[in-house]
PDB file of N, CA and C in Angstrom:
ATOM      1  N   MET A   1       4.761  -3.484   0.410  1.00  0.00           N
ATOM      2  CA  MET A   1       4.864  -4.156  -1.350  1.00  0.00           C
ATOM      3  C   MET A   1       5.267  -2.528  -2.107  1.00  0.00           C
ATOM      4  N   SER A   2       6.298  -3.093  -2.933  1.00  0.00           N
ATOM      5  CA  SER A   2       7.058  -1.955  -3.747  1.00  0.00           C
ATOM      6  C   SER A   2       6.336  -2.037  -4.606  1.00  0.00           C
ATOM      7  N   MET A   3       6.263  -0.901  -5.698  1.00  0.00           N
ATOM      8  CA  MET A   3       6.006  -0.551  -7.270  1.00  0.00           C
ATOM      9  C   MET A   3       6.546   0.755  -7.591  1.00  0.00           C
ATOM     10  N   SER A   4       6.618   0.198  -9.267  1.00  0.00           N
ATOM     11  CA  SER A   4       7.554   1.454  -9.448  1.00  0.00           C
ATOM     12  C   SER A   4       6.407   2.594  -9.859  1.00  0.00           C
ATOM     13  N   PRO A   5       7.606   3.509 -10.146  1.00  0.00           N
ATOM     14  CA  PRO A   5       6.685   4.132 -10.410  1.00  0.00           C
ATOM     15  C   PRO A   5       5.614   4.775 -11.771  1.00  0.00           C
ATOM     16  N   GLU A   6       6.834   4.136 -12.728  1.00  0.00           N
ATOM     17  CA  GLU A   6       5.431   3.677 -13.986  1.00  0.00           C
ATOM     18  C   GLU A   6       4.665   2.399 -13.370  1.00  0.00           C
ATOM     19  N   ARG A   7       4.437   1.916 -12.790  1.00  0.00           N
ATOM     20  CA  ARG A   7       3.249   1.080 -12.264  1.00  0.00           C
ATOM     21  C   ARG A   7       2.604   1.597 -11.714  1.00  0.00           C
ATOM     22  N   VAL A   8       2.562   2.554 -10.603  1.00  0.00           N
ATOM     23  CA  VAL A   8       1.985   3.713 -10.150  1.00  0.00           C
ATOM     24  C   VAL A   8       0.663   4.948 -10.993  1.00  0.00           C
ATOM     25  N   VAL A   9       1.649   4.980 -11.655  1.00  0.00           N
ATOM     26  CA  VAL A   9       1.174   5.742 -13.215  1.00  0.00           C
ATOM     27  C   VAL A   9       0.328   5.144 -13.770  1.00  0.00           C
ATOM     28  N   HIS A  10       0.400   3.644 -14.351  1.00  0.00           N
ATOM     29  CA  HIS A  10      -0.462   2.567 -15.263  1.00  0.00           C
ATOM     30  C   HIS A  10      -1.770   2.728 -14.530  1.00  0.00           C
ATOM     31  N   LEU A  11      -1.836   1.684 -12.973  1.00  0.00           N
ATOM     32  CA  LEU A  11      -2.887   2.186 -12.224  1.00  0.00           C
ATOM     33  C   LEU A  11      -3.445   3.599 -12.025  1.00  0.00           C
ATOM     34  N   SER A  12      -3.268   5.180 -12.225  1.00  0.00           N
ATOM     35  CA  SER A  12      -3.704   6.403 -12.430  1.00  0.00           C
ATOM     36  C   SER A  12      -4.062   6.502 -12.531  1.00  0.00           C
ATOM     37  N   GLN A  13      -4.029   5.710 -14.217  1.00  0.00           N
ATOM     38  CA  GLN A  13      -4.329   5.983 -16.067  1.00  0.00           C
ATOM     39  C   GLN A  13      -5.968   4.728 -15.998  1.00  0.00           C
ATOM     40  N   LYS A  14      -5.778   4.002 -15.205  1.00  0.00           N
ATOM     41  CA  LYS A  14      -6.412   2.681 -15.662  1.00  0.00           C
ATOM     42  C   LYS A  14      -7.677   3.747 -14.545  1.00  0.00           C
ATOM     43  N   ILE A  15      -7.597   3.879 -13.584  1.00  0.00           N
ATOM     44  CA  ILE A  15      -8.895   4.514 -12.532  1.00  0.00           C
ATOM     45  C   ILE A  15      -9.337   5.774 -12.985  1.00  0.00           C
ATOM     46  N   VAL A  16      -8.351   6.799 -13.925  1.00  0.00           N
ATOM     47  CA  VAL A  16      -9.286   7.475 -13.909  1.00  0.00           C
ATOM     48  C   VAL A  16      -9.962   7.202 -15.728  1.00  0.00           C
ATOM     49  N   ARG A  17      -9.219   5.912 -16.916  1.00  0.00           N
ATOM     50  CA  ARG A  17      -9.547   5.528 -17.986  1.00  0.00           C
ATOM     51  C   ARG A  17     -11.462   4.513 -16.680  1.00  0.00           C
ATOM     52  N   ALA A  18     -11.361   4.474 -15.576  1.00  0.00           N
ATOM     53  CA  ALA A  18     -12.912   3.566 -15.213  1.00  0.00           C
ATOM     54  C   ALA A  18     -13.569   4.094 -14.832  1.00  0.00           C
ATOM     55  N   ILE A  19     -13.322   5.846 -14.555  1.00  0.00           N
ATOM     56  CA  ILE A  19     -14.112   6.706 -13.975  1.00  0.00           C
ATOM     57  C   ILE A  19     -14.419   7.301 -14.837  1.00  0.00           C
ATOM     58  N   THR A  20     -14.559   7.973 -15.883  1.00  0.00           N
ATOM     59  CA  THR A  20     -14.538   8.366 -17.761  1.00  0.00           C
ATOM     60  C   THR A  20     -15.513   7.950 -18.094  1.00  0.00           C
ATOM     61  N   GLN A  21     -14.820   6.228 -18.439  1.00  0.00           N
ATOM     62  CA  GLN A  21     -15.945   5.672 -18.581  1.00  0.00           C
ATOM     63  C   GLN A  21     -16.794   5.336 -18.473  1.00  0.00           C
ATOM     64  N   SER A  22     -17.207   5.207 -16.961  1.00  0.00           N
ATOM     65  CA  SER A  22     -18.446   5.162 -16.123  1.00  0.00           C
ATOM     66  C   SER A  22     -19.284   6.054 -16.181  1.00  0.00           C
ATOM     67  N   LYS A  23     -20.987   5.921 -15.851  1.00  0.00           N
ATOM     68  CA  LYS A  23     -21.912   6.569 -16.669  1.00  0.00           C
ATOM     69  C   LYS A  23     -22.654   6.474 -15.122  1.00  0.00           C
ATOM     70  N   GLU A  24     -22.290   5.730 -14.344  1.00  0.00           N
ATOM     71  CA  GLU A  24     -22.028   7.043 -12.428  1.00  0.00           C
ATOM     72  C   GLU A  24     -21.282   7.453 -11.939  1.00  0.00           C
ATOM     73  N   ALA A  25     -19.719   7.977 -12.488  1.00  0.00           N
ATOM     74  CA  ALA A  25     -19.161   9.073 -11.961  1.00  0.00           C
ATOM     75  C   ALA A  25     -18.949   9.642 -13.080  1.00  0.00           C
ATOM     76  N   GLU A  26     -18.489  11.276 -12.236  1.00  0.00           N
ATOM     77  CA  GLU A  26     -17.331  12.175 -13.253  1.00  0.00           C
ATOM     78  C   GLU A  26     -16.870  12.512 -12.273  1.00  0.00           C
ATOM     79  N   LEU A  27     -15.509  13.390 -13.433  1.00  0.00           N
ATOM     80  CA  LEU A  27     -14.522  14.057 -12.534  1.00  0.00           C
ATOM     81  C   LEU A  27     -15.243  15.124 -12.623  1.00  0.00           C
ATOM     82  N   LEU A  28     -14.842  15.921 -11.652  1.00  0.00           N
ATOM     83  CA  LEU A  28     -15.076  17.571 -11.049  1.00  0.00           C
ATOM     84  C   LEU A  28     -13.523  18.595 -11.503  1.00  0.00           C
ATOM     85  N   ALA A  29     -12.325  17.773 -11.331  1.00  0.00           N
ATOM     86  CA  ALA A  29     -10.890  18.047 -11.366  1.00  0.00           C
ATOM     87  C   ALA A  29     -10.219  18.300 -13.195  1.00  0.00           C
ATOM     88  N   SER A  30      -9.617  19.019 -13.494  1.00  0.00           N
ATOM     89  CA  SER A  30      -9.134  18.355 -14.778  1.00  0.00           C
ATOM     90  C   SER A  30      -8.858  16.883 -15.037  1.00  0.00           C
ATOM     91  N   GLU A  31      -8.539  15.761 -15.529  1.00  0.00           N
ATOM     92  CA  GLU A  31      -7.899  14.528 -16.065  1.00  0.00           C
ATOM     93  C   GLU A  31      -6.922  15.215 -15.246  1.00  0.00           C
ATOM     94  N   LYS A  32      -5.846  15.560 -15.892  1.00  0.00           N
ATOM     95  CA  LYS A  32      -5.043  16.386 -15.109  1.00  0.00           C
ATOM     96  C   LYS A  32      -3.945  16.265 -13.766  1.00  0.00           C
ATOM     97  N   VAL A  33      -5.651  16.668 -12.947  1.00  0.00           N
ATOM     98  CA  VAL A  33      -5.270  17.092 -11.895  1.00  0.00           C
ATOM     99  C   VAL A  33      -5.695  15.969 -11.272  1.00  0.00           C
ATOM    100  N   VAL A  34      -6.437  14.928 -11.821  1.00  0.00           N
ATOM    101  CA  VAL A  34      -7.140  13.913 -10.211  1.00  0.00           C
ATOM    102  C   VAL A  34      -5.652  12.749 -11.153  1.00  0.00           C
ATOM    103  N   LEU A  35      -5.735  12.827 -11.889  1.00  0.00           N
ATOM    104  CA  LEU A  35      -4.073  11.734 -12.237  1.00  0.00           C
ATOM    105  C   LEU A  35      -3.324  11.543 -11.474  1.00  0.00           C
ATOM    106  N   GLN A  36      -2.741  13.065 -11.181  1.00  0.00           N
ATOM    107  CA  GLN A  36      -2.098  13.345 -10.269  1.00  0.00           C
ATOM    108  C   GLN A  36      -2.540  13.144  -8.410  1.00  0.00           C
ATOM    109  N   GLN A  37      -3.760  13.249  -8.516  1.00  0.00           N
ATOM    110  CA  GLN A  37      -3.804  12.920  -6.475  1.00  0.00           C
ATOM    111  C   GLN A  37      -4.531  11.979  -6.774  1.00  0.00           C
ATOM    112  N   ILE A  38      -4.680  11.067  -7.669  1.00  0.00           N
ATOM    113  CA  ILE A  38      -4.687   9.381  -7.683  1.00  0.00           C
ATOM    114  C   ILE A  38      -2.676   8.933  -7.076  1.00  0.00           C
ATOM    115  N   ARG A  39      -2.139   9.615  -7.728  1.00  0.00           N
ATOM    116  CA  ARG A  39      -1.042   9.234  -7.767  1.00  0.00           C
ATOM    117  C   ARG A  39       0.033   9.140  -7.026  1.00  0.00           C
ATOM    118  N   ASN A  40      -0.844  10.351  -6.093  1.00  0.00           N
ATOM    119  CA  ASN A  40      -0.220  11.003  -4.815  1.00  0.00           C
ATOM    120  C   ASN A  40      -0.757   9.782  -3.824  1.00  0.00           C
ATOM    121  N   VAL A  41      -2.216   9.993  -3.585  1.00  0.00           N
ATOM    122  CA  VAL A  41      -2.940   8.991  -2.618  1.00  0.00           C
ATOM    123  C   VAL A  41      -1.562   7.607  -2.204  1.00  0.00           C
ATOM    124  N   LEU A  42      -1.607   6.545  -4.260  1.00  0.00           N
ATOM    125  CA  LEU A  42      -1.495   5.748  -4.151  1.00  0.00           C
ATOM    126  C   LEU A  42       0.459   5.595  -3.643  1.00  0.00           C
ATOM    127  N   SER A  43       0.833   6.515  -4.137  1.00  0.00           N
ATOM    128  CA  SER A  43       2.528   6.380  -3.494  1.00  0.00           C
ATOM    129  C   SER A  43       2.613   6.925  -2.183  1.00  0.00           C
ATOM    130  N   GLU A  44       1.935   7.524  -1.322  1.00  0.00           N
ATOM    131  CA  GLU A  44       1.831   8.100  -0.001  1.00  0.00           C
ATOM    132  C   GLU A  44       0.890   6.818   0.552  1.00  0.00           C
ATOM    133  N   GLN A  45       0.234   5.841  -0.190  1.00  0.00           N
ATOM    134  CA  GLN A  45      -0.501   4.313   1.035  1.00  0.00           C
ATOM    135  C   GLN A  45       0.972   3.871   0.394  1.00  0.00           C
ATOM    136  N   LEU A  46       1.501   3.455  -0.618  1.00  0.00           N
ATOM    137  CA  LEU A  46       2.487   2.171  -0.483  1.00  0.00           C
ATOM    138  C   LEU A  46       3.704   2.208   0.288  1.00  0.00           C
ATOM    139  N   GLU A  47       3.920   4.222   0.724  1.00  0.00           N
ATOM    140  CA  GLU A  47       4.948   4.130   1.644  1.00  0.00           C
ATOM    141  C   GLU A  47       4.883   3.689   2.790  1.00  0.00           C
ATOM    142  N   ARG A  48       3.190   4.165   3.074  1.00  0.00           N
ATOM    143  CA  ARG A  48       2.936   3.403   4.825  1.00  0.00           C
ATOM    144  C   ARG A  48       2.975   2.232   4.578  1.00  0.00           C
ATOM    145  N   GLU A  49       2.859   1.327   4.165  1.00  0.00           N
ATOM    146  CA  GLU A  49       2.662   0.101   3.446  1.00  0.00           C
ATOM    147  C   GLU A  49       4.312  -0.284   3.458  1.00  0.00           C
ATOM    148  N   GLU A  50       5.065   0.401   3.591  1.00  0.00           N
ATOM    149  CA  GLU A  50       6.183  -0.210   3.086  1.00  0.00           C
ATOM    150  C   GLU A  50       6.971  -0.548   4.650  1.00  0.00           C
ATOM    151  N   LYS A  51       6.821   1.263   5.023  1.00  0.00           N
ATOM    152  CA  LYS A  51       6.834   1.506   6.815  1.00  0.00           C
ATOM    153  C   LYS A  51       6.598   0.168   7.712  1.00  0.00           C
ATOM    154  N   VAL A  52       5.235  -0.256   7.505  1.00  0.00           N
ATOM    155  CA  VAL A  52       4.868  -0.871   8.151  1.00  0.00           C
ATOM    156  C   VAL A  52       5.148  -2.466   8.281  1.00  0.00           C
ATOM    157  N   ASP A  53       5.644  -2.803   6.527  1.00  0.00           N
ATOM    158  CA  ASP A  53       6.071  -3.788   6.754  1.00  0.00           C
ATOM    159  C   ASP A  53       7.581  -4.527   7.309  1.00  0.00           C
ATOM    160  N   GLN A  54       7.854  -2.537   7.300  1.00  0.00           N
ATOM    161  CA  GLN A  54       9.368  -2.634   7.515  1.00  0.00           C
ATOM    162  C   GLN A  54       9.389  -3.145   9.767  1.00  0.00           C
ATOM    163  N   ALA A  55       8.607  -2.357   9.943  1.00  0.00           N
ATOM    164  CA  ALA A  55       8.829  -2.438  11.109  1.00  0.00           C
ATOM    165  C   ALA A  55       7.861  -3.602  11.867  1.00  0.00           C
ATOM    166  N   VAL A  56       7.333  -4.746  11.380  1.00  0.00           N
ATOM    167  CA  VAL A  56       6.949  -5.575  11.635  1.00  0.00           C
ATOM    168  C   VAL A  56       7.616  -6.756  11.764  1.00  0.00           C
ATOM    169  N   HIS A  57       8.699  -6.890  10.477  1.00  0.00           N
ATOM    170  CA  HIS A  57       9.672  -7.301  10.739  1.00  0.00           C
ATOM    171  C   HIS A  57      10.347  -7.023  11.657  1.00  0.00           C
ATOM    172  N   GLN A  58      11.355  -5.816  11.533  1.00  0.00           N
ATOM    173  CA  GLN A  58      11.654  -5.564  12.474  1.00  0.00           C
ATOM    174  C   GLN A  58      11.408  -6.621  14.027  1.00  0.00           C
ATOM    175  N   ARG A  59       9.923  -5.940  13.755  1.00  0.00           N
ATOM    176  CA  ARG A  59       9.475  -6.665  15.926  1.00  0.00           C
ATOM    177  C   ARG A  59       9.904  -8.159  15.737  1.00  0.00           C
ATOM    178  N   ILE A  60       9.810  -8.918  14.252  1.00  0.00           N
ATOM    179  CA  ILE A  60       9.278 -10.386  14.604  1.00  0.00           C
ATOM    180  C   ILE A  60      11.794 -10.717  14.356  1.00  0.00           C
ATOM    181  N   ARG A  61      12.006 -10.487  13.735  1.00  0.00           N
ATOM    182  CA  ARG A  61      13.348 -11.246  14.866  1.00  0.00           C
ATOM    183  C   ARG A  61      13.684 -10.321  15.479  1.00  0.00           C
ATOM    184  N   ALA A  62      13.228  -8.878  16.382  1.00  0.00           N
ATOM    185  CA  ALA A  62      13.750  -9.058  17.721  1.00  0.00           C
ATOM    186  C   ALA A  62      12.665  -9.891  18.721  1.00  0.00           C
ATOM    187  N   PHE A  63      11.420 -10.243  18.202  1.00  0.00           N
ATOM    188  CA  PHE A  63      10.844 -11.558  18.755  1.00  0.00           C
ATOM    189  C   PHE A  63      11.291 -13.064  18.815  1.00  0.00           C
ATOM    190  N   ARG A  64      11.572 -13.490  18.041  1.00  0.00           N
ATOM    191  CA  ARG A  64      11.940 -14.608  17.765  1.00  0.00           C
ATOM    192  C   ARG A  64      12.750 -14.666  16.255  1.00  0.00           C
ATOM    193  N   PRO A  65      14.294 -14.554  16.293  1.00  0.00           N
ATOM    194  CA  PRO A  65      15.421 -14.101  15.398  1.00  0.00           C
ATOM    195  C   PRO A  65      16.056 -15.087  14.655  1.00  0.00           C
ATOM    196  N   HIS A  66      15.325 -16.295  15.012  1.00  0.00           N
ATOM    197  CA  HIS A  66      15.713 -17.852  14.367  1.00  0.00           C
ATOM    198  C   HIS A  66      14.263 -17.908  12.926  1.00  0.00           C
ATOM    199  N   LEU A  67      12.730 -17.363  13.329  1.00  0.00           N
ATOM    200  CA  LEU A  67      11.793 -17.738  11.988  1.00  0.00           C
ATOM    201  C   LEU A  67      12.235 -17.540  11.315  1.00  0.00           C
ATOM    202  N   SER A  68      11.606 -18.056  10.361  1.00  0.00           N
ATOM    203  CA  SER A  68      11.595 -18.377   7.979  1.00  0.00           C
ATOM    204  C   SER A  68      10.412 -17.545   8.198  1.00  0.00           C
ATOM    205  N   PRO A  69      10.233 -16.504   7.134  1.00  0.00           N
ATOM    206  CA  PRO A  69       8.912 -16.515   6.791  1.00  0.00           C
ATOM    207  C   PRO A  69       7.984 -17.456   6.330  1.00  0.00           C
ATOM    208  N   ALA A  70       8.653 -18.605   5.981  1.00  0.00           N
ATOM    209  CA  ALA A  70       8.118 -20.152   5.569  1.00  0.00           C
ATOM    210  C   ALA A  70       6.935 -20.665   6.998  1.00  0.00           C
ATOM    211  N   ASN A  71       7.477 -20.435   8.241  1.00  0.00           N
ATOM    212  CA  ASN A  71       7.012 -21.214   9.653  1.00  0.00           C
ATOM    213  C   ASN A  71       5.905 -20.347   9.776  1.00  0.00           C
ATOM    214  N   ALA A  72       4.956 -21.265   9.765  1.00  0.00           N
ATOM    215  CA  ALA A  72       3.815 -20.780  10.607  1.00  0.00           C
ATOM    216  C   ALA A  72       3.489 -19.838  11.276  1.00  0.00           C
ATOM    217  N   GLU A  73       4.037 -19.932  12.662  1.00  0.00           N
ATOM    218  CA  GLU A  73       4.168 -19.222  13.654  1.00  0.00           C
ATOM    219  C   GLU A  73       4.813 -17.805  13.518  1.00  0.00           C
ATOM    220  N   TRP A  74       6.040 -17.571  12.403  1.00  0.00           N
ATOM    221  CA  TRP A  74       5.907 -16.560  12.071  1.00  0.00           C
ATOM    222  C   TRP A  74       4.903 -15.837  10.981  1.00  0.00           C
ATOM    223  N   GLN A  75       4.292 -15.880   9.955  1.00  0.00           N
ATOM    224  CA  GLN A  75       3.121 -15.822  10.155  1.00  0.00           C
ATOM    225  C   GLN A  75       2.306 -15.265  10.681  1.00  0.00           C
ATOM    226  N   THR A  76       2.034 -16.279  11.650  1.00  0.00           N
ATOM    227  CA  THR A  76       0.438 -15.221  12.419  1.00  0.00           C
ATOM    228  C   THR A  76       0.912 -14.046  13.403  1.00  0.00           C
ATOM    229  N   LEU A  77       2.219 -14.698  13.658  1.00  0.00           N
ATOM    230  CA  LEU A  77       2.936 -12.861  13.803  1.00  0.00           C
ATOM    231  C   LEU A  77       3.047 -11.973  13.108  1.00  0.00           C
ATOM    232  N   TYR A  78       3.528 -12.131  11.991  1.00  0.00           N
ATOM    233  CA  TYR A  78       2.853 -11.343  11.170  1.00  0.00           C
ATOM    234  C   TYR A  78       1.912 -10.124  10.639  1.00  0.00           C
ATOM    235  N   ALA A  79       0.462 -11.148  11.056  1.00  0.00           N
ATOM    236  CA  ALA A  79      -0.225 -10.821  10.970  1.00  0.00           C
ATOM    237  C   ALA A  79      -0.721  -9.688  11.657  1.00  0.00           C
ATOM    238  N   LYS A  80      -0.412 -10.362  13.319  1.00  0.00           N
ATOM    239  CA  LYS A  80      -0.661  -9.537  14.302  1.00  0.00           C
ATOM    240  C   LYS A  80       0.379  -8.531  14.494  1.00  0.00           C
ATOM    241  N   PHE A  81       1.291  -8.871  13.723  1.00  0.00           N
ATOM    242  CA  PHE A  81       2.169  -7.317  14.062  1.00  0.00           C
ATOM    243  C   PHE A  81       1.631  -6.198  13.681  1.00  0.00           C
ATOM    244  N   HIS A  82       1.460  -7.045  12.219  1.00  0.00           N
ATOM    245  CA  HIS A  82       0.502  -5.552  10.585  1.00  0.00           C
ATOM    246  C   HIS A  82       0.383  -4.956  11.363  1.00  0.00           C
ATOM    247  N   ALA A  83      -0.961  -5.548  11.975  1.00  0.00           N
ATOM    248  CA  ALA A  83      -2.616  -5.119  12.326  1.00  0.00           C
ATOM    249  C   ALA A  83      -1.645  -4.099  13.286  1.00  0.00           C
ATOM    250  N   ASP A  84      -0.788  -3.861  14.197  1.00  0.00           N
ATOM    251  CA  ASP A  84      -0.645  -3.171  15.144  1.00  0.00           C
ATOM    252  C   ASP A  84       0.190  -2.480  14.310  1.00  0.00           C
ATOM    253  N   GLU A  85       1.181  -2.573  13.559  1.00  0.00           N
ATOM    254  CA  GLU A  85       1.647  -1.334  13.344  1.00  0.00           C
ATOM    255  C   GLU A  85       0.940  -0.758  12.386  1.00  0.00           C
ATOM    256  N   ALA A  86      -0.028  -0.583  11.607  1.00  0.00           N
ATOM    257  CA  ALA A  86      -1.387  -0.359  10.858  1.00  0.00           C
ATOM    258  C   ALA A  86      -1.072   0.831  11.892  1.00  0.00           C
ATOM    259  N   LYS A  87      -2.227   0.570  12.368  1.00  0.00           N
ATOM    260  CA  LYS A  87      -2.683   0.742  13.953  1.00  0.00           C
ATOM    261  C   LYS A  87      -1.548   2.508  14.101  1.00  0.00           C
ATOM    262  N   LYS A  88      -0.253   2.335  14.271  1.00  0.00           N
ATOM    263  CA  LYS A  88       0.070   3.567  15.103  1.00  0.00           C
ATOM    264  C   LYS A  88       0.546   3.843  14.141  1.00  0.00           C
ATOM    265  N   ILE A  89       0.658   4.053  12.455  1.00  0.00           N
ATOM    266  CA  ILE A  89       1.337   5.005  11.163  1.00  0.00           C
ATOM    267  C   ILE A  89       0.083   5.657  10.673  1.00  0.00           C
ATOM    268  N   LYS A  90      -1.350   4.871  10.878  1.00  0.00           N
ATOM    269  CA  LYS A  90      -2.029   6.341  10.579  1.00  0.00           C
ATOM    270  C   LYS A  90      -2.281   7.112  10.230  1.00  0.00           C
TER     271      LYS A  90
END
């Protein structure tokens, strides 16, 4: 899943806002530090997910080169291969 840097910043800001407005949680570092950490985590996770997605697409093309993503078999393979690749990339 691709996400623009602006979207990552926006989501990070929403998360920090939700934390600061919550009565059940508080920031233990400055808002700026927390924002940067959230951005880093989101960006790293999105990069991992992109690598998994690319690996899954390559495996499907190697296994069944003529399948279309609209095909039910492709979707089944995608789910299976995604689980396998996600374990590898952790």
